[in-house]
Amino acid sequence: MSVSLSLAAALEKKGIKLVPSSIAQKGEGAVEGWGGGIQMLSVQPDTKPKGCAGCNRKIKDRYLLKALDKYWHEDCLKCACCDCRLGEVGSTLYTKANLILCRRDYLRLFGVTGNCAACSKLIPAFEMVMRAKDNVYHLDCFACQLCNQRFCVGDKFFLKNNMILCQTDYEEGLMKEGYAPQVR
């Protein structure tokens, strides 16, 4: 399977249900997210304490989390792999096979991997990449394949015959082929 597919589409083809959820900041109320939500709720003193889905004890803290239609202590809603507190880590949680996971562990375990178009080495699903049309590159490999010039944000690059080229090498190649690029 190619990494050029979007993650959601690739996971869907594998039959994996991806459930990202937004996390609200304390005191700001709940934020509705794509596919459900983790909500940070303030416990009202006059309400009956709710039971925690993680430890099965009553939640008597000032705040509680609501995720996957259940209530949790802030310390109990954790990634099943790395034990990070999902209310602090970021804005998503993922579920698969009754596991609750952070984004990094979900992608590490179930994400789509592929190969870099420049070096042909494996690109793990959780690694940041650069894309040019259907090609995917490690960040370190995203450079002119003739002079090795690294590109910065906003730099022009060209994709010719599946090679990434800087503007200088691209224009030199066009001159050798007998036609000049149009400058605008």
N, C-alpha and C. Protein backbone atom coordinates (compact mmCIF):
# COMPACT_ATOMS: atom_id res chain seq x y z
N MET A 1 0.85 -1.18 0.00
CA MET A 1 0.00 0.00 0.00
C MET A 1 0.89 1.23 0.00
N SER A 2 0.56 2.20 -0.78
CA SER A 2 1.37 3.40 -0.93
C SER A 2 1.07 4.43 0.15
N VAL A 3 2.09 5.16 0.59
CA VAL A 3 1.89 6.20 1.59
C VAL A 3 1.22 7.42 1.00
N SER A 4 1.11 7.47 -0.33
CA SER A 4 0.49 8.64 -0.93
C SER A 4 -1.01 8.69 -0.64
N LEU A 5 -1.61 7.57 -0.26
CA LEU A 5 -3.00 7.59 0.16
C LEU A 5 -3.11 8.37 1.46
N SER A 6 -4.21 9.04 1.66
CA SER A 6 -4.39 9.71 2.95
C SER A 6 -4.48 8.64 4.03
N LEU A 7 -4.06 9.00 5.24
CA LEU A 7 -4.05 8.04 6.35
C LEU A 7 -5.44 7.49 6.59
N ALA A 8 -6.44 8.35 6.61
CA ALA A 8 -7.80 7.89 6.89
C ALA A 8 -8.27 6.88 5.83
N ALA A 9 -7.98 7.15 4.56
CA ALA A 9 -8.41 6.24 3.49
C ALA A 9 -7.68 4.91 3.59
N ALA A 10 -6.40 4.96 3.89
CA ALA A 10 -5.62 3.73 4.01
C ALA A 10 -6.10 2.89 5.18
N LEU A 11 -6.37 3.54 6.31
CA LEU A 11 -6.84 2.81 7.47
C LEU A 11 -8.21 2.22 7.22
N GLU A 12 -9.05 2.97 6.51
CA GLU A 12 -10.39 2.50 6.20
C GLU A 12 -10.33 1.23 5.36
N LYS A 13 -9.39 1.16 4.40
CA LYS A 13 -9.24 -0.02 3.57
C LYS A 13 -8.82 -1.24 4.39
N LYS A 14 -8.09 -0.99 5.50
CA LYS A 14 -7.66 -2.08 6.37
C LYS A 14 -8.75 -2.45 7.38
N GLY A 15 -9.87 -1.72 7.38
CA GLY A 15 -10.94 -2.00 8.32
C GLY A 15 -10.69 -1.45 9.70
N ILE A 16 -9.83 -0.44 9.81
CA ILE A 16 -9.49 0.15 11.10
C ILE A 16 -10.34 1.39 11.31
N LYS A 17 -11.01 1.45 12.44
CA LYS A 17 -11.84 2.60 12.77
C LYS A 17 -10.98 3.66 13.46
N LEU A 18 -10.91 4.83 12.86
CA LEU A 18 -10.11 5.93 13.38
C LEU A 18 -11.05 6.91 14.06
N VAL A 19 -10.83 7.18 15.36
CA VAL A 19 -11.73 8.04 16.10
C VAL A 19 -10.94 9.16 16.77
N PRO A 20 -10.64 10.26 16.05
CA PRO A 20 -10.00 11.37 16.71
C PRO A 20 -11.02 12.21 17.46
N SER A 21 -10.61 12.83 18.56
CA SER A 21 -11.52 13.61 19.37
C SER A 21 -10.84 14.86 19.87
N SER A 22 -11.56 15.96 19.94
CA SER A 22 -10.98 17.19 20.46
C SER A 22 -11.00 17.19 21.97
N ILE A 23 -10.03 17.82 22.56
CA ILE A 23 -9.95 17.92 24.02
C ILE A 23 -10.17 19.38 24.38
N ALA A 24 -11.06 19.63 25.30
CA ALA A 24 -11.30 21.00 25.75
C ALA A 24 -10.31 21.36 26.83
N GLN A 25 -9.93 22.61 26.90
CA GLN A 25 -9.04 23.09 27.95
C GLN A 25 -9.87 23.31 29.21
N LYS A 26 -9.24 23.19 30.37
CA LYS A 26 -9.94 23.39 31.63
C LYS A 26 -10.58 24.77 31.65
N GLY A 27 -11.80 24.82 32.10
CA GLY A 27 -12.49 26.09 32.26
C GLY A 27 -13.09 26.64 30.98
N GLU A 28 -12.82 26.03 29.84
CA GLU A 28 -13.35 26.55 28.58
C GLU A 28 -14.54 25.76 28.08
N GLY A 29 -14.95 24.74 28.78
CA GLY A 29 -16.08 23.93 28.33
C GLY A 29 -15.62 22.91 27.30
N ALA A 30 -16.56 22.22 26.72
CA ALA A 30 -16.24 21.14 25.79
C ALA A 30 -16.11 21.67 24.37
N VAL A 31 -15.22 21.09 23.63
CA VAL A 31 -15.05 21.42 22.22
C VAL A 31 -15.49 20.20 21.42
N GLU A 32 -16.42 20.41 20.52
CA GLU A 32 -16.90 19.31 19.69
C GLU A 32 -15.82 18.95 18.69
N GLY A 33 -15.53 17.68 18.51
CA GLY A 33 -14.46 17.27 17.62
C GLY A 33 -14.97 16.37 16.53
N TRP A 34 -14.11 16.07 15.56
CA TRP A 34 -14.41 15.16 14.46
C TRP A 34 -14.56 13.77 15.02
N GLY A 35 -15.72 13.18 14.90
CA GLY A 35 -15.94 11.81 15.31
C GLY A 35 -16.18 11.62 16.80
N GLY A 36 -16.60 12.61 17.52
CA GLY A 36 -16.84 12.46 18.95
C GLY A 36 -16.01 13.44 19.74
N GLY A 37 -15.86 13.20 21.03
CA GLY A 37 -15.08 14.17 21.77
C GLY A 37 -14.66 13.71 23.13
N ILE A 38 -13.50 14.21 23.54
CA ILE A 38 -13.10 14.14 24.95
C ILE A 38 -13.49 15.49 25.49
N GLN A 39 -14.21 15.49 26.56
CA GLN A 39 -14.62 16.74 27.16
C GLN A 39 -14.05 16.84 28.56
N MET A 40 -13.48 18.00 28.87
CA MET A 40 -13.02 18.30 30.22
C MET A 40 -14.18 19.02 30.88
N LEU A 41 -14.75 18.41 31.90
CA LEU A 41 -15.93 18.96 32.55
C LEU A 41 -15.60 19.35 33.98
N SER A 42 -16.18 20.43 34.41
CA SER A 42 -16.06 20.84 35.81
C SER A 42 -17.13 20.11 36.60
N VAL A 43 -16.75 19.47 37.69
CA VAL A 43 -17.70 18.73 38.52
C VAL A 43 -18.47 19.73 39.37
N GLN A 44 -19.79 19.66 39.28
CA GLN A 44 -20.65 20.53 40.08
C GLN A 44 -20.78 19.94 41.47
N PRO A 45 -20.59 20.76 42.53
CA PRO A 45 -20.61 20.22 43.90
C PRO A 45 -21.94 19.60 44.32
N ASP A 46 -23.04 20.00 43.69
CA ASP A 46 -24.35 19.49 44.11
C ASP A 46 -24.80 18.26 43.31
N THR A 47 -23.91 17.68 42.48
CA THR A 47 -24.29 16.51 41.70
C THR A 47 -23.70 15.24 42.31
N LYS A 48 -24.35 14.14 42.02
CA LYS A 48 -23.88 12.84 42.49
C LYS A 48 -22.58 12.49 41.75
N PRO A 49 -21.54 12.04 42.46
CA PRO A 49 -20.27 11.70 41.80
C PRO A 49 -20.47 10.59 40.76
N LYS A 50 -19.77 10.73 39.66
CA LYS A 50 -19.84 9.74 38.59
C LYS A 50 -18.75 8.69 38.79
N GLY A 51 -18.96 7.51 38.26
CA GLY A 51 -17.96 6.44 38.35
C GLY A 51 -16.97 6.54 37.21
N CYS A 52 -15.70 6.28 37.49
CA CYS A 52 -14.63 6.33 36.49
C CYS A 52 -14.59 5.03 35.71
N ALA A 53 -14.53 5.13 34.38
CA ALA A 53 -14.46 3.95 33.53
C ALA A 53 -13.10 3.26 33.62
N GLY A 54 -12.09 3.98 34.10
CA GLY A 54 -10.76 3.39 34.20
C GLY A 54 -10.53 2.60 35.48
N CYS A 55 -10.89 3.19 36.62
CA CYS A 55 -10.60 2.54 37.91
C CYS A 55 -11.85 2.10 38.67
N ASN A 56 -13.03 2.44 38.15
CA ASN A 56 -14.33 2.11 38.75
C ASN A 56 -14.60 2.79 40.08
N ARG A 57 -13.79 3.79 40.46
CA ARG A 57 -14.06 4.53 41.70
C ARG A 57 -14.85 5.80 41.36
N LYS A 58 -15.46 6.39 42.37
CA LYS A 58 -16.20 7.64 42.20
C LYS A 58 -15.21 8.78 41.89
N ILE A 59 -15.64 9.68 41.01
CA ILE A 59 -14.80 10.83 40.65
C ILE A 59 -15.18 11.98 41.56
N LYS A 60 -14.26 12.34 42.47
CA LYS A 60 -14.50 13.43 43.42
C LYS A 60 -13.59 14.62 43.14
N ASP A 61 -12.83 14.55 42.05
CA ASP A 61 -11.92 15.64 41.69
C ASP A 61 -12.72 16.84 41.20
N ARG A 62 -12.03 17.96 41.04
CA ARG A 62 -12.67 19.17 40.55
C ARG A 62 -13.06 19.04 39.08
N TYR A 63 -12.24 18.30 38.30
CA TYR A 63 -12.52 18.10 36.88
C TYR A 63 -12.59 16.61 36.58
N LEU A 64 -13.32 16.26 35.52
CA LEU A 64 -13.37 14.90 35.02
C LEU A 64 -13.34 14.96 33.50
N LEU A 65 -13.02 13.85 32.88
CA LEU A 65 -13.02 13.76 31.43
C LEU A 65 -14.20 12.90 30.99
N LYS A 66 -14.80 13.28 29.88
CA LYS A 66 -15.82 12.45 29.27
C LYS A 66 -15.32 12.08 27.88
N ALA A 67 -15.15 10.78 27.65
CA ALA A 67 -14.67 10.29 26.36
C ALA A 67 -15.30 8.93 26.10
N LEU A 68 -15.61 8.67 24.85
CA LEU A 68 -16.20 7.40 24.45
C LEU A 68 -17.46 7.10 25.25
N ASP A 69 -18.22 8.14 25.54
CA ASP A 69 -19.48 8.07 26.30
C ASP A 69 -19.29 7.54 27.71
N LYS A 70 -18.10 7.73 28.28
CA LYS A 70 -17.82 7.31 29.65
C LYS A 70 -17.12 8.45 30.38
N TYR A 71 -17.09 8.36 31.70
CA TYR A 71 -16.43 9.38 32.53
C TYR A 71 -15.12 8.82 33.07
N TRP A 72 -14.12 9.69 33.21
CA TRP A 72 -12.78 9.28 33.61
C TRP A 72 -12.15 10.29 34.56
N HIS A 73 -11.33 9.80 35.50
CA HIS A 73 -10.42 10.69 36.21
C HIS A 73 -9.39 11.18 35.18
N GLU A 74 -8.82 12.36 35.38
CA GLU A 74 -7.79 12.85 34.47
C GLU A 74 -6.61 11.87 34.40
N ASP A 75 -6.29 11.22 35.51
CA ASP A 75 -5.16 10.28 35.55
C ASP A 75 -5.51 8.91 34.96
N CYS A 76 -6.77 8.61 34.77
CA CYS A 76 -7.17 7.27 34.33
C CYS A 76 -7.32 7.16 32.81
N LEU A 77 -7.52 8.27 32.10
CA LEU A 77 -7.64 8.20 30.64
C LEU A 77 -6.24 8.30 30.06
N LYS A 78 -5.63 7.11 29.84
CA LYS A 78 -4.24 7.04 29.40
C LYS A 78 -4.11 6.15 28.18
N CYS A 79 -3.03 6.37 27.45
CA CYS A 79 -2.68 5.50 26.32
C CYS A 79 -2.33 4.12 26.85
N ALA A 80 -2.87 3.09 26.22
CA ALA A 80 -2.61 1.72 26.65
C ALA A 80 -1.16 1.29 26.43
N CYS A 81 -0.43 1.99 25.57
CA CYS A 81 0.98 1.61 25.31
C CYS A 81 1.96 2.41 26.16
N CYS A 82 1.89 3.73 26.09
CA CYS A 82 2.93 4.56 26.72
C CYS A 82 2.47 5.19 28.03
N ASP A 83 1.23 4.99 28.42
CA ASP A 83 0.66 5.53 29.66
C ASP A 83 0.60 7.05 29.73
N CYS A 84 0.73 7.74 28.60
CA CYS A 84 0.61 9.21 28.65
C CYS A 84 -0.84 9.58 28.93
N ARG A 85 -1.01 10.67 29.65
CA ARG A 85 -2.36 11.16 29.97
C ARG A 85 -2.94 11.82 28.73
N LEU A 86 -4.02 11.27 28.21
CA LEU A 86 -4.58 11.76 26.95
C LEU A 86 -5.22 13.13 27.07
N GLY A 87 -5.57 13.54 28.27
CA GLY A 87 -6.11 14.88 28.47
C GLY A 87 -5.05 15.96 28.37
N GLU A 88 -3.77 15.58 28.40
CA GLU A 88 -2.66 16.53 28.34
C GLU A 88 -1.87 16.47 27.05
N VAL A 89 -1.85 15.32 26.39
CA VAL A 89 -0.93 15.06 25.29
C VAL A 89 -1.24 15.83 24.02
N GLY A 90 -2.47 16.01 23.69
CA GLY A 90 -2.81 16.64 22.43
C GLY A 90 -4.30 16.65 22.25
N SER A 91 -4.72 16.63 21.04
CA SER A 91 -6.14 16.79 20.79
C SER A 91 -6.81 15.53 20.27
N THR A 92 -6.14 14.38 20.33
CA THR A 92 -6.76 13.19 19.76
C THR A 92 -6.58 11.96 20.63
N LEU A 93 -7.51 11.05 20.48
CA LEU A 93 -7.33 9.71 21.00
C LEU A 93 -7.84 8.77 19.91
N TYR A 94 -7.32 7.57 19.91
CA TYR A 94 -7.66 6.60 18.88
C TYR A 94 -8.03 5.29 19.57
N THR A 95 -8.95 4.56 18.96
CA THR A 95 -9.33 3.27 19.52
C THR A 95 -9.18 2.19 18.47
N LYS A 96 -8.74 1.04 18.91
CA LYS A 96 -8.61 -0.14 18.04
C LYS A 96 -8.53 -1.35 18.94
N ALA A 97 -9.34 -2.35 18.67
CA ALA A 97 -9.33 -3.61 19.42
C ALA A 97 -9.45 -3.36 20.93
N ASN A 98 -10.37 -2.51 21.31
CA ASN A 98 -10.62 -2.15 22.72
C ASN A 98 -9.42 -1.50 23.41
N LEU A 99 -8.49 -0.96 22.64
CA LEU A 99 -7.36 -0.21 23.19
C LEU A 99 -7.62 1.27 22.99
N ILE A 100 -7.24 2.07 23.95
CA ILE A 100 -7.28 3.52 23.81
C ILE A 100 -5.83 3.96 23.66
N LEU A 101 -5.53 4.67 22.58
CA LEU A 101 -4.15 4.99 22.24
C LEU A 101 -3.96 6.46 21.93
N CYS A 102 -2.74 6.96 22.17
CA CYS A 102 -2.38 8.29 21.70
C CYS A 102 -2.08 8.18 20.20
N ARG A 103 -1.99 9.32 19.55
CA ARG A 103 -1.78 9.34 18.10
C ARG A 103 -0.50 8.61 17.70
N ARG A 104 0.60 8.90 18.40
CA ARG A 104 1.89 8.31 18.03
C ARG A 104 1.85 6.78 18.12
N ASP A 105 1.31 6.25 19.20
CA ASP A 105 1.27 4.79 19.34
C ASP A 105 0.28 4.16 18.36
N TYR A 106 -0.83 4.82 18.10
CA TYR A 106 -1.78 4.29 17.13
C TYR A 106 -1.12 4.16 15.76
N LEU A 107 -0.43 5.23 15.33
CA LEU A 107 0.22 5.18 14.02
C LEU A 107 1.37 4.19 14.01
N ARG A 108 2.10 4.10 15.12
CA ARG A 108 3.21 3.15 15.20
C ARG A 108 2.70 1.71 15.06
N LEU A 109 1.57 1.42 15.68
CA LEU A 109 1.04 0.06 15.67
C LEU A 109 0.22 -0.27 14.42
N PHE A 110 -0.56 0.69 13.94
CA PHE A 110 -1.52 0.38 12.88
C PHE A 110 -1.38 1.24 11.64
N GLY A 111 -0.46 2.20 11.64
CA GLY A 111 -0.35 3.14 10.53
C GLY A 111 0.27 2.53 9.29
N VAL A 112 0.09 3.22 8.19
CA VAL A 112 0.61 2.80 6.90
C VAL A 112 2.04 3.28 6.77
N THR A 113 2.93 2.41 6.34
CA THR A 113 4.31 2.80 6.09
C THR A 113 4.55 2.74 4.59
N GLY A 114 5.65 3.32 4.16
CA GLY A 114 6.00 3.30 2.76
C GLY A 114 7.48 3.59 2.62
N ASN A 115 7.92 3.80 1.39
CA ASN A 115 9.34 4.04 1.14
C ASN A 115 9.55 5.45 0.61
N CYS A 116 10.71 6.02 0.96
CA CYS A 116 11.10 7.34 0.51
C CYS A 116 11.44 7.27 -0.98
N ALA A 117 10.96 8.24 -1.75
CA ALA A 117 11.21 8.27 -3.19
C ALA A 117 12.67 8.57 -3.51
N ALA A 118 13.41 9.17 -2.58
CA ALA A 118 14.81 9.51 -2.84
C ALA A 118 15.77 8.39 -2.43
N CYS A 119 15.63 7.88 -1.20
CA CYS A 119 16.59 6.89 -0.68
C CYS A 119 16.03 5.47 -0.68
N SER A 120 14.77 5.30 -0.94
CA SER A 120 14.07 4.01 -0.96
C SER A 120 14.01 3.31 0.40
N LYS A 121 14.40 3.99 1.47
CA LYS A 121 14.31 3.40 2.81
C LYS A 121 12.90 3.58 3.36
N LEU A 122 12.55 2.74 4.32
CA LEU A 122 11.23 2.75 4.93
C LEU A 122 10.96 4.06 5.66
N ILE A 123 9.75 4.56 5.53
CA ILE A 123 9.30 5.73 6.28
C ILE A 123 8.23 5.25 7.26
N PRO A 124 8.49 5.30 8.58
CA PRO A 124 7.47 4.89 9.55
C PRO A 124 6.23 5.78 9.44
N ALA A 125 5.09 5.23 9.77
CA ALA A 125 3.82 5.95 9.62
C ALA A 125 3.76 7.22 10.46
N PHE A 126 4.46 7.27 11.61
CA PHE A 126 4.36 8.43 12.49
C PHE A 126 5.37 9.53 12.15
N GLU A 127 6.26 9.29 11.20
CA GLU A 127 7.30 10.26 10.86
C GLU A 127 6.75 11.37 9.97
N MET A 128 7.24 12.60 10.19
CA MET A 128 6.87 13.72 9.33
C MET A 128 7.54 13.54 7.97
N VAL A 129 6.83 13.90 6.91
CA VAL A 129 7.33 13.70 5.55
C VAL A 129 7.09 14.95 4.70
N MET A 130 7.74 14.98 3.55
CA MET A 130 7.46 15.97 2.52
C MET A 130 6.87 15.21 1.35
N ARG A 131 5.96 15.87 0.64
CA ARG A 131 5.32 15.25 -0.51
C ARG A 131 5.47 16.14 -1.73
N ALA A 132 5.66 15.51 -2.89
CA ALA A 132 5.66 16.20 -4.17
C ALA A 132 4.92 15.28 -5.14
N LYS A 133 3.74 15.70 -5.54
CA LYS A 133 2.83 14.88 -6.33
C LYS A 133 2.61 13.55 -5.62
N ASP A 134 2.92 12.42 -6.24
CA ASP A 134 2.70 11.11 -5.62
C ASP A 134 3.90 10.62 -4.83
N ASN A 135 4.98 11.39 -4.79
CA ASN A 135 6.20 10.98 -4.10
C ASN A 135 6.20 11.44 -2.65
N VAL A 136 6.77 10.61 -1.78
CA VAL A 136 6.88 10.91 -0.36
C VAL A 136 8.36 10.81 0.02
N TYR A 137 8.83 11.75 0.86
CA TYR A 137 10.25 11.82 1.20
C TYR A 137 10.44 12.00 2.70
N HIS A 138 11.53 11.42 3.23
CA HIS A 138 11.98 11.79 4.57
C HIS A 138 12.30 13.29 4.52
N LEU A 139 12.19 13.97 5.63
CA LEU A 139 12.53 15.40 5.65
C LEU A 139 13.98 15.62 5.22
N ASP A 140 14.89 14.75 5.69
CA ASP A 140 16.30 14.89 5.34
C ASP A 140 16.58 14.59 3.86
N CYS A 141 15.74 13.84 3.21
CA CYS A 141 15.94 13.48 1.81
C CYS A 141 15.33 14.49 0.84
N PHE A 142 14.56 15.42 1.37
CA PHE A 142 13.88 16.38 0.50
C PHE A 142 14.88 17.48 0.14
N ALA A 143 15.69 17.21 -0.89
CA ALA A 143 16.74 18.12 -1.34
C ALA A 143 16.93 17.92 -2.84
N CYS A 144 17.60 18.87 -3.48
CA CYS A 144 17.90 18.73 -4.91
C CYS A 144 18.72 17.46 -5.10
N GLN A 145 18.30 16.63 -6.03
CA GLN A 145 18.98 15.35 -6.20
C GLN A 145 20.21 15.45 -7.09
N LEU A 146 20.53 16.67 -7.57
CA LEU A 146 21.77 16.87 -8.30
C LEU A 146 22.83 17.54 -7.44
N CYS A 147 22.47 18.63 -6.77
CA CYS A 147 23.47 19.38 -5.98
C CYS A 147 23.29 19.22 -4.47
N ASN A 148 22.27 18.50 -4.03
CA ASN A 148 21.97 18.25 -2.61
C ASN A 148 21.57 19.49 -1.82
N GLN A 149 21.18 20.56 -2.48
CA GLN A 149 20.72 21.76 -1.78
C GLN A 149 19.43 21.43 -1.04
N ARG A 150 19.40 21.72 0.27
CA ARG A 150 18.20 21.49 1.08
C ARG A 150 17.23 22.63 0.83
N PHE A 151 15.97 22.33 0.87
CA PHE A 151 14.94 23.34 0.65
C PHE A 151 14.40 23.84 1.97
N CYS A 152 14.12 25.13 2.02
CA CYS A 152 13.48 25.75 3.17
C CYS A 152 12.03 26.06 2.79
N VAL A 153 11.22 26.36 3.79
CA VAL A 153 9.83 26.72 3.54
C VAL A 153 9.79 27.89 2.57
N GLY A 154 9.03 27.75 1.51
CA GLY A 154 8.88 28.81 0.52
C GLY A 154 9.83 28.71 -0.66
N ASP A 155 10.85 27.84 -0.58
CA ASP A 155 11.78 27.68 -1.71
C ASP A 155 11.06 27.01 -2.87
N LYS A 156 11.45 27.40 -4.09
CA LYS A 156 10.93 26.77 -5.28
C LYS A 156 11.69 25.48 -5.53
N PHE A 157 10.98 24.44 -5.89
CA PHE A 157 11.63 23.22 -6.33
C PHE A 157 10.83 22.70 -7.51
N PHE A 158 11.46 21.81 -8.28
CA PHE A 158 10.83 21.28 -9.47
C PHE A 158 10.92 19.76 -9.43
N LEU A 159 9.92 19.11 -9.97
CA LEU A 159 9.90 17.66 -10.06
C LEU A 159 9.96 17.32 -11.55
N LYS A 160 11.11 16.81 -11.98
CA LYS A 160 11.29 16.46 -13.40
C LYS A 160 11.78 15.01 -13.47
N ASN A 161 11.08 14.21 -14.21
CA ASN A 161 11.40 12.78 -14.33
C ASN A 161 11.54 12.13 -12.95
N ASN A 162 10.63 12.49 -12.06
CA ASN A 162 10.60 11.96 -10.69
C ASN A 162 11.82 12.35 -9.85
N MET A 163 12.51 13.38 -10.23
CA MET A 163 13.65 13.89 -9.46
C MET A 163 13.30 15.27 -8.93
N ILE A 164 13.68 15.53 -7.68
CA ILE A 164 13.50 16.86 -7.11
C ILE A 164 14.71 17.70 -7.52
N LEU A 165 14.45 18.88 -8.08
CA LEU A 165 15.54 19.75 -8.52
C LEU A 165 15.34 21.15 -7.97
N CYS A 166 16.48 21.80 -7.67
CA CYS A 166 16.42 23.22 -7.31
C CYS A 166 16.22 24.02 -8.60
N GLN A 167 15.91 25.29 -8.46
CA GLN A 167 15.62 26.11 -9.63
C GLN A 167 16.82 26.19 -10.57
N THR A 168 18.03 26.32 -10.02
CA THR A 168 19.24 26.43 -10.85
C THR A 168 19.45 25.17 -11.69
N ASP A 169 19.39 24.00 -11.06
CA ASP A 169 19.60 22.75 -11.80
C ASP A 169 18.47 22.49 -12.79
N TYR A 170 17.27 22.86 -12.45
CA TYR A 170 16.14 22.70 -13.37
C TYR A 170 16.36 23.55 -14.62
N GLU A 171 16.71 24.82 -14.41
CA GLU A 171 16.91 25.72 -15.55
C GLU A 171 18.11 25.30 -16.40
N GLU A 172 19.20 24.83 -15.77
CA GLU A 172 20.35 24.33 -16.53
C GLU A 172 19.95 23.13 -17.38
N GLY A 173 19.13 22.25 -16.83
CA GLY A 173 18.65 21.10 -17.58
C GLY A 173 17.81 21.50 -18.77
N LEU A 174 17.00 22.52 -18.60
CA LEU A 174 16.17 23.00 -19.71
C LEU A 174 17.04 23.62 -20.80
N MET A 175 18.09 24.33 -20.41
CA MET A 175 18.98 24.96 -21.39
C MET A 175 19.68 23.88 -22.22
N LYS A 176 20.09 22.79 -21.57
CA LYS A 176 20.76 21.70 -22.28
C LYS A 176 19.82 21.00 -23.25
N GLU A 177 18.53 20.99 -22.91
CA GLU A 177 17.54 20.36 -23.79
C GLU A 177 17.15 21.26 -24.95
N GLY A 178 17.61 22.52 -24.95
CA GLY A 178 17.39 23.39 -26.10
C GLY A 178 16.25 24.38 -25.97
N TYR A 179 15.67 24.50 -24.82
CA TYR A 179 14.65 25.54 -24.65
C TYR A 179 14.79 26.16 -23.28
N ALA A 180 14.54 27.45 -23.23
CA ALA A 180 14.71 28.20 -21.97
C ALA A 180 13.39 28.28 -21.23
N PRO A 181 13.45 28.25 -19.89
CA PRO A 181 12.19 28.40 -19.12
C PRO A 181 11.69 29.82 -19.22
N GLN A 182 10.40 29.96 -19.13
CA GLN A 182 9.81 31.29 -19.14
C GLN A 182 9.92 31.89 -17.76
N VAL A 183 10.47 33.09 -17.69
CA VAL A 183 10.59 33.79 -16.41
C VAL A 183 9.45 34.78 -16.30
N ARG A 184 8.77 34.74 -15.18
CA ARG A 184 7.62 35.65 -14.98
C ARG A 184 7.92 36.64 -13.93
